[in-house]
Amino acid sequence: MKRNILYSLAVILNVLTVPWLFVSDNTHTIGGFPLWALYSIVSTFIYAIIISYFLRNYWSFSASEEGLE
């Protein structure tokens, strides 16, 4: 996977962690958290897992193709 694709995926996933869908005054809560906060916490956790996967599998690959771009 090329470095530009990895960077693009990281940015797209980071944008998806922002609770854009919750623009109205939503008063629903789950476990004391507003629904938008729960969405943000869960999506940030998923983002962290995906980024750690990218770092574990593609870190050395990305570093080795420094002169190829």
N, C-alpha and C. Protein backbone atom coordinates (compact mmCIF):
# COMPACT_ATOMS: atom_id res chain seq x y z
N MET A 1 0.86 -1.17 0.00
CA MET A 1 0.00 0.00 0.00
C MET A 1 0.90 1.23 0.00
N LYS A 2 0.61 2.18 -0.85
CA LYS A 2 1.44 3.37 -0.95
C LYS A 2 1.18 4.32 0.21
N ARG A 3 2.17 5.17 0.44
CA ARG A 3 2.10 6.10 1.55
C ARG A 3 0.93 7.07 1.40
N ASN A 4 0.66 7.55 0.20
CA ASN A 4 -0.46 8.49 -0.01
C ASN A 4 -1.80 7.84 0.34
N ILE A 5 -1.95 6.58 0.01
CA ILE A 5 -3.19 5.88 0.35
C ILE A 5 -3.33 5.74 1.86
N LEU A 6 -2.24 5.42 2.53
CA LEU A 6 -2.29 5.31 4.00
C LEU A 6 -2.65 6.64 4.64
N TYR A 7 -2.05 7.72 4.17
CA TYR A 7 -2.37 9.04 4.71
C TYR A 7 -3.83 9.40 4.44
N SER A 8 -4.30 9.11 3.24
CA SER A 8 -5.69 9.42 2.90
C SER A 8 -6.67 8.63 3.76
N LEU A 9 -6.39 7.35 3.95
CA LEU A 9 -7.26 6.54 4.81
C LEU A 9 -7.26 7.06 6.24
N ALA A 10 -6.11 7.47 6.74
CA ALA A 10 -6.03 7.99 8.10
C ALA A 10 -6.85 9.27 8.25
N VAL A 11 -6.79 10.15 7.26
CA VAL A 11 -7.56 11.40 7.32
C VAL A 11 -9.05 11.12 7.23
N ILE A 12 -9.44 10.24 6.31
CA ILE A 12 -10.87 9.91 6.16
C ILE A 12 -11.42 9.28 7.43
N LEU A 13 -10.67 8.35 8.01
CA LEU A 13 -11.12 7.72 9.25
C LEU A 13 -11.20 8.72 10.39
N ASN A 14 -10.27 9.65 10.43
CA ASN A 14 -10.29 10.67 11.47
C ASN A 14 -11.51 11.58 11.33
N VAL A 15 -11.88 11.93 10.10
CA VAL A 15 -13.07 12.75 9.87
C VAL A 15 -14.32 12.00 10.29
N LEU A 16 -14.34 10.69 10.10
CA LEU A 16 -15.51 9.90 10.47
C LEU A 16 -15.70 9.80 11.99
N THR A 17 -14.67 10.11 12.78
CA THR A 17 -14.82 10.06 14.23
C THR A 17 -15.58 11.26 14.79
N VAL A 18 -15.72 12.31 13.99
CA VAL A 18 -16.45 13.49 14.44
C VAL A 18 -17.95 13.22 14.30
N PRO A 19 -18.72 13.49 15.33
CA PRO A 19 -20.16 13.17 15.28
C PRO A 19 -20.96 14.17 14.45
N TRP A 20 -20.77 14.15 13.13
CA TRP A 20 -21.47 15.07 12.23
C TRP A 20 -22.97 14.80 12.20
N LEU A 21 -23.38 13.57 12.46
CA LEU A 21 -24.79 13.21 12.32
C LEU A 21 -25.67 13.77 13.43
N PHE A 22 -25.06 14.23 14.49
CA PHE A 22 -25.82 14.64 15.67
C PHE A 22 -25.87 16.17 15.77
N VAL A 23 -26.47 16.81 14.76
CA VAL A 23 -26.53 18.27 14.75
C VAL A 23 -27.76 18.81 15.47
N SER A 24 -28.77 18.00 15.65
CA SER A 24 -29.98 18.47 16.35
C SER A 24 -29.79 18.32 17.86
N ASP A 25 -30.71 18.90 18.60
CA ASP A 25 -30.67 18.77 20.05
C ASP A 25 -31.19 17.39 20.44
N ASN A 26 -30.30 16.42 20.43
CA ASN A 26 -30.66 15.05 20.76
C ASN A 26 -30.39 14.83 22.24
N THR A 27 -31.43 14.54 23.00
CA THR A 27 -31.27 14.39 24.45
C THR A 27 -31.22 12.93 24.89
N HIS A 28 -31.14 12.01 23.94
CA HIS A 28 -31.05 10.60 24.29
C HIS A 28 -29.69 10.32 24.93
N THR A 29 -29.71 9.50 25.99
CA THR A 29 -28.47 9.14 26.65
C THR A 29 -28.39 7.63 26.80
N ILE A 30 -27.18 7.14 26.80
CA ILE A 30 -26.91 5.73 27.04
C ILE A 30 -25.82 5.66 28.10
N GLY A 31 -26.15 5.11 29.24
CA GLY A 31 -25.20 5.03 30.34
C GLY A 31 -24.75 6.37 30.86
N GLY A 32 -25.60 7.39 30.72
CA GLY A 32 -25.26 8.72 31.20
C GLY A 32 -24.56 9.58 30.17
N PHE A 33 -24.16 8.99 29.05
CA PHE A 33 -23.50 9.74 27.98
C PHE A 33 -24.53 10.14 26.93
N PRO A 34 -24.41 11.35 26.40
CA PRO A 34 -25.23 11.68 25.24
C PRO A 34 -24.86 10.75 24.09
N LEU A 35 -25.79 10.52 23.20
CA LEU A 35 -25.57 9.60 22.10
C LEU A 35 -24.39 10.02 21.23
N TRP A 36 -24.21 11.33 21.00
CA TRP A 36 -23.10 11.79 20.18
C TRP A 36 -21.76 11.53 20.86
N ALA A 37 -21.70 11.61 22.18
CA ALA A 37 -20.45 11.36 22.90
C ALA A 37 -20.10 9.88 22.84
N LEU A 38 -21.09 9.03 22.97
CA LEU A 38 -20.85 7.60 22.87
C LEU A 38 -20.35 7.23 21.47
N TYR A 39 -20.96 7.82 20.44
CA TYR A 39 -20.50 7.61 19.06
C TYR A 39 -19.05 8.03 18.91
N SER A 40 -18.70 9.18 19.46
CA SER A 40 -17.34 9.69 19.34
C SER A 40 -16.34 8.80 20.05
N ILE A 41 -16.69 8.30 21.23
CA ILE A 41 -15.78 7.42 21.99
C ILE A 41 -15.58 6.10 21.25
N VAL A 42 -16.66 5.51 20.78
CA VAL A 42 -16.55 4.22 20.08
C VAL A 42 -15.80 4.37 18.77
N SER A 43 -16.10 5.42 18.01
CA SER A 43 -15.41 5.59 16.73
C SER A 43 -13.93 5.93 16.92
N THR A 44 -13.59 6.65 17.97
CA THR A 44 -12.19 6.92 18.27
C THR A 44 -11.46 5.65 18.65
N PHE A 45 -12.09 4.77 19.38
CA PHE A 45 -11.50 3.48 19.73
C PHE A 45 -11.26 2.65 18.47
N ILE A 46 -12.23 2.62 17.57
CA ILE A 46 -12.07 1.88 16.31
C ILE A 46 -10.97 2.50 15.46
N TYR A 47 -10.89 3.84 15.43
CA TYR A 47 -9.83 4.54 14.71
C TYR A 47 -8.46 4.15 15.26
N ALA A 48 -8.33 4.08 16.57
CA ALA A 48 -7.06 3.71 17.19
C ALA A 48 -6.65 2.29 16.81
N ILE A 49 -7.60 1.38 16.77
CA ILE A 49 -7.30 0.00 16.37
C ILE A 49 -6.81 -0.05 14.92
N ILE A 50 -7.49 0.66 14.04
CA ILE A 50 -7.11 0.64 12.62
C ILE A 50 -5.75 1.28 12.41
N ILE A 51 -5.48 2.40 13.07
CA ILE A 51 -4.18 3.06 12.93
C ILE A 51 -3.07 2.19 13.49
N SER A 52 -3.31 1.50 14.60
CA SER A 52 -2.28 0.61 15.13
C SER A 52 -2.01 -0.54 14.18
N TYR A 53 -3.04 -1.03 13.48
CA TYR A 53 -2.86 -2.06 12.45
C TYR A 53 -1.99 -1.53 11.31
N PHE A 54 -2.28 -0.30 10.84
CA PHE A 54 -1.48 0.29 9.78
C PHE A 54 -0.03 0.45 10.22
N LEU A 55 0.19 0.93 11.42
CA LEU A 55 1.56 1.13 11.90
C LEU A 55 2.30 -0.20 12.04
N ARG A 56 1.62 -1.21 12.53
CA ARG A 56 2.27 -2.51 12.72
C ARG A 56 2.63 -3.15 11.38
N ASN A 57 1.76 -3.02 10.38
CA ASN A 57 1.97 -3.74 9.13
C ASN A 57 2.66 -2.92 8.03
N TYR A 58 2.55 -1.60 8.05
CA TYR A 58 3.05 -0.80 6.95
C TYR A 58 4.11 0.22 7.34
N TRP A 59 4.54 0.27 8.58
CA TRP A 59 5.52 1.27 9.00
C TRP A 59 6.84 1.08 8.27
N SER A 60 7.38 -0.11 8.28
CA SER A 60 8.67 -0.34 7.62
C SER A 60 8.54 -0.22 6.11
N PHE A 61 7.41 -0.62 5.56
CA PHE A 61 7.18 -0.51 4.13
C PHE A 61 7.15 0.95 3.71
N SER A 62 6.47 1.78 4.46
CA SER A 62 6.37 3.19 4.14
C SER A 62 7.72 3.88 4.28
N ALA A 63 8.50 3.51 5.26
CA ALA A 63 9.81 4.11 5.46
C ALA A 63 10.78 3.70 4.37
N SER A 64 10.64 2.52 3.82
CA SER A 64 11.59 2.04 2.81
C SER A 64 11.34 2.62 1.44
N GLU A 65 10.17 3.15 1.16
CA GLU A 65 9.90 3.70 -0.17
C GLU A 65 10.03 5.22 -0.19
N GLU A 66 10.91 5.75 0.62
CA GLU A 66 11.06 7.19 0.75
C GLU A 66 11.46 7.84 -0.57
N GLY A 67 12.32 7.23 -1.32
CA GLY A 67 12.76 7.85 -2.57
C GLY A 67 11.89 7.53 -3.75
N LEU A 68 10.85 6.75 -3.60
CA LEU A 68 10.04 6.31 -4.73
C LEU A 68 8.97 7.31 -5.15
N GLU A 69 8.65 8.27 -4.30
CA GLU A 69 7.56 9.18 -4.63
C GLU A 69 8.04 10.37 -5.41
